[in-house]
Amino acid sequence: MKKNIDIEILGHKYTIKSNEEEGFVYNIVDYLNKKIEEVLRTTTTVDTLNAIVVVALNITSDFFRIKNEGGELRQQIEDKSRHLISLIDSYVDNEGNVLSNN
């Protein structure tokens, strides 16, 4: 069930609706604030909107990189699982008995 959660981003207060636990939302907000402050501190970008756009692009880039890595890992796991099943099948008959000639 969605609930209202009060958050603060760069000193601006917002109320959002979320199904997530408050602690989870607060961790996201804290991460976002830190990333925005880091961009503001380490670049010549002085406009807050530009800093937020940079942070959004960086977070989106991280998301897609992790998503792609997860897909590659999933494919590796599927490939290894098929290989292991094939090996097991070569040592076991249809009734689950271990074949002695392998």
C-alpha atoms as a PDB file:
ATOM      1  CA  MET A   1       0.000   0.000   0.000  1.00  0.00           C
ATOM      2  CA  LYS A   2       1.408   3.377  -0.950  1.00  0.00           C
ATOM      3  CA  LYS A   3       2.204   5.745   1.853  1.00  0.00           C
ATOM      4  CA  ASN A   4       3.303   9.356   1.964  1.00  0.00           C
ATOM      5  CA  ILE A   5       6.966   9.889   2.780  1.00  0.00           C
ATOM      6  CA  ASP A   6       8.457  13.313   3.454  1.00  0.00           C
ATOM      7  CA  ILE A   7      11.881  13.786   1.885  1.00  0.00           C
ATOM      8  CA  GLU A   8      14.330  16.610   1.336  1.00  0.00           C
ATOM      9  CA  ILE A   9      16.499  17.071  -1.736  1.00  0.00           C
ATOM     10  CA  LEU A  10      18.953  19.978  -1.750  1.00  0.00           C
ATOM     11  CA  GLY A  11      16.977  21.726   0.966  1.00  0.00           C
ATOM     12  CA  HIS A  12      13.648  21.415  -0.852  1.00  0.00           C
ATOM     13  CA  LYS A  13      10.960  19.391   0.909  1.00  0.00           C
ATOM     14  CA  TYR A  14       8.771  16.977  -1.001  1.00  0.00           C
ATOM     15  CA  THR A  15       6.121  14.458  -0.104  1.00  0.00           C
ATOM     16  CA  ILE A  16       6.170  11.358  -2.262  1.00  0.00           C
ATOM     17  CA  LYS A  17       3.994   8.254  -2.378  1.00  0.00           C
ATOM     18  CA  SER A  18       5.814   4.955  -2.304  1.00  0.00           C
ATOM     19  CA  ASN A  19       5.289   1.265  -1.649  1.00  0.00           C
ATOM     20  CA  GLU A  20       8.859   1.068  -0.356  1.00  0.00           C
ATOM     21  CA  GLU A  21       9.869   1.183   3.289  1.00  0.00           C
ATOM     22  CA  GLU A  22      10.750   4.643   4.547  1.00  0.00           C
ATOM     23  CA  GLY A  23      14.330   3.614   5.340  1.00  0.00           C
ATOM     24  CA  PHE A  24      14.836   2.442   1.769  1.00  0.00           C
ATOM     25  CA  VAL A  25      13.492   5.729   0.381  1.00  0.00           C
ATOM     26  CA  TYR A  26      15.652   7.739   2.794  1.00  0.00           C
ATOM     27  CA  ASN A  27      18.742   5.787   1.652  1.00  0.00           C
ATOM     28  CA  ILE A  28      17.940   6.653  -1.962  1.00  0.00           C
ATOM     29  CA  VAL A  29      17.409  10.323  -1.105  1.00  0.00           C
ATOM     30  CA  ASP A  30      20.657  10.405   0.878  1.00  0.00           C
ATOM     31  CA  TYR A  31      22.529   8.830  -2.043  1.00  0.00           C
ATOM     32  CA  LEU A  32      20.994  11.311  -4.475  1.00  0.00           C
ATOM     33  CA  ASN A  33      21.837  14.315  -2.286  1.00  0.00           C
ATOM     34  CA  LYS A  34      25.432  13.132  -1.906  1.00  0.00           C
ATOM     35  CA  LYS A  35      25.826  12.623  -5.653  1.00  0.00           C
ATOM     36  CA  ILE A  36      24.402  16.078  -6.424  1.00  0.00           C
ATOM     37  CA  GLU A  37      26.613  17.730  -3.796  1.00  0.00           C
ATOM     38  CA  GLU A  38      29.633  15.882  -5.211  1.00  0.00           C
ATOM     39  CA  VAL A  39      28.933  17.189  -8.720  1.00  0.00           C
ATOM     40  CA  LEU A  40      28.385  20.712  -7.426  1.00  0.00           C
ATOM     41  CA  ARG A  41      31.636  20.514  -5.455  1.00  0.00           C
ATOM     42  CA  THR A  42      33.837  18.943  -8.127  1.00  0.00           C
ATOM     43  CA  THR A  43      32.743  20.614 -11.350  1.00  0.00           C
ATOM     44  CA  THR A  44      32.413  24.099 -12.673  1.00  0.00           C
ATOM     45  CA  THR A  45      28.670  23.489 -12.998  1.00  0.00           C
ATOM     46  CA  VAL A  46      27.081  26.033 -10.698  1.00  0.00           C
ATOM     47  CA  ASP A  47      23.521  25.609 -11.914  1.00  0.00           C
ATOM     48  CA  THR A  48      21.668  23.107  -9.736  1.00  0.00           C
ATOM     49  CA  LEU A  49      19.530  21.841 -12.604  1.00  0.00           C
ATOM     50  CA  ASN A  50      22.643  21.044 -14.659  1.00  0.00           C
ATOM     51  CA  ALA A  51      24.136  19.207 -11.678  1.00  0.00           C
ATOM     52  CA  ILE A  52      20.945  17.169 -11.304  1.00  0.00           C
ATOM     53  CA  VAL A  53      21.020  16.288 -15.018  1.00  0.00           C
ATOM     54  CA  VAL A  54      24.654  15.158 -14.711  1.00  0.00           C
ATOM     55  CA  VAL A  55      23.773  13.030 -11.680  1.00  0.00           C
ATOM     56  CA  ALA A  56      20.758  11.552 -13.488  1.00  0.00           C
ATOM     57  CA  LEU A  57      22.953  10.616 -16.456  1.00  0.00           C
ATOM     58  CA  ASN A  58      25.611   9.095 -14.173  1.00  0.00           C
ATOM     59  CA  ILE A  59      23.067   7.056 -12.200  1.00  0.00           C
ATOM     60  CA  THR A  60      21.365   5.898 -15.407  1.00  0.00           C
ATOM     61  CA  SER A  61      24.731   4.897 -16.853  1.00  0.00           C
ATOM     62  CA  ASP A  62      25.514   2.898 -13.688  1.00  0.00           C
ATOM     63  CA  PHE A  63      22.090   1.244 -13.844  1.00  0.00           C
ATOM     64  CA  PHE A  64      22.502   0.127 -17.462  1.00  0.00           C
ATOM     65  CA  ARG A  65      26.060  -1.087 -16.836  1.00  0.00           C
ATOM     66  CA  ILE A  66      24.903  -3.195 -13.876  1.00  0.00           C
ATOM     67  CA  LYS A  67      21.852  -4.415 -15.796  1.00  0.00           C
ATOM     68  CA  ASN A  68      24.061  -5.538 -18.711  1.00  0.00           C
ATOM     69  CA  GLU A  69      26.550  -7.195 -16.370  1.00  0.00           C
ATOM     70  CA  GLY A  70      23.661  -8.996 -14.687  1.00  0.00           C
ATOM     71  CA  GLY A  71      22.429 -10.240 -18.060  1.00  0.00           C
ATOM     72  CA  GLU A  72      25.889 -11.507 -18.949  1.00  0.00           C
ATOM     73  CA  LEU A  73      26.205 -13.221 -15.570  1.00  0.00           C
ATOM     74  CA  ARG A  74      22.760 -14.788 -15.958  1.00  0.00           C
ATOM     75  CA  GLN A  75      23.770 -16.128 -19.386  1.00  0.00           C
ATOM     76  CA  GLN A  76      27.000 -17.592 -17.960  1.00  0.00           C
ATOM     77  CA  ILE A  77      25.040 -19.274 -15.159  1.00  0.00           C
ATOM     78  CA  GLU A  78      22.525 -20.691 -17.638  1.00  0.00           C
ATOM     79  CA  ASP A  79      25.328 -21.997 -19.868  1.00  0.00           C
ATOM     80  CA  LYS A  80      27.140 -23.633 -16.961  1.00  0.00           C
ATOM     81  CA  SER A  81      23.895 -25.084 -15.640  1.00  0.00           C
ATOM     82  CA  ARG A  82      23.120 -26.663 -19.025  1.00  0.00           C
ATOM     83  CA  HIS A  83      26.649 -28.067 -19.142  1.00  0.00           C
ATOM     84  CA  LEU A  84      26.339 -29.531 -15.641  1.00  0.00           C
ATOM     85  CA  ILE A  85      22.944 -31.044 -16.455  1.00  0.00           C
ATOM     86  CA  SER A  86      24.471 -32.607 -19.550  1.00  0.00           C
ATOM     87  CA  LEU A  87      27.309 -34.068 -17.488  1.00  0.00           C
ATOM     88  CA  ILE A  88      24.921 -35.433 -14.890  1.00  0.00           C
ATOM     89  CA  ASP A  89      22.709 -36.907 -17.614  1.00  0.00           C
ATOM     90  CA  SER A  90      25.720 -38.743 -19.061  1.00  0.00           C
ATOM     91  CA  TYR A  91      26.309 -40.473 -15.698  1.00  0.00           C
ATOM     92  CA  VAL A  92      22.709 -41.193 -14.708  1.00  0.00           C
ATOM     93  CA  ASP A  93      19.992 -43.182 -16.481  1.00  0.00           C
ATOM     94  CA  ASN A  94      16.366 -42.070 -16.822  1.00  0.00           C
ATOM     95  CA  GLU A  95      15.495 -43.625 -13.459  1.00  0.00           C
ATOM     96  CA  GLY A  96      18.262 -41.819 -11.585  1.00  0.00           C
ATOM     97  CA  ASN A  97      20.622 -44.785 -11.341  1.00  0.00           C
ATOM     98  CA  VAL A  98      24.332 -44.095 -11.717  1.00  0.00           C
ATOM     99  CA  LEU A  99      25.781 -45.667 -14.832  1.00  0.00           C
ATOM    100  CA  SER A 100      28.909 -47.670 -14.104  1.00  0.00           C
ATOM    101  CA  ASN A 101      30.625 -47.589 -17.521  1.00  0.00           C
ATOM    102  CA  ASN A 102      31.428 -43.822 -17.578  1.00  0.00           C
END
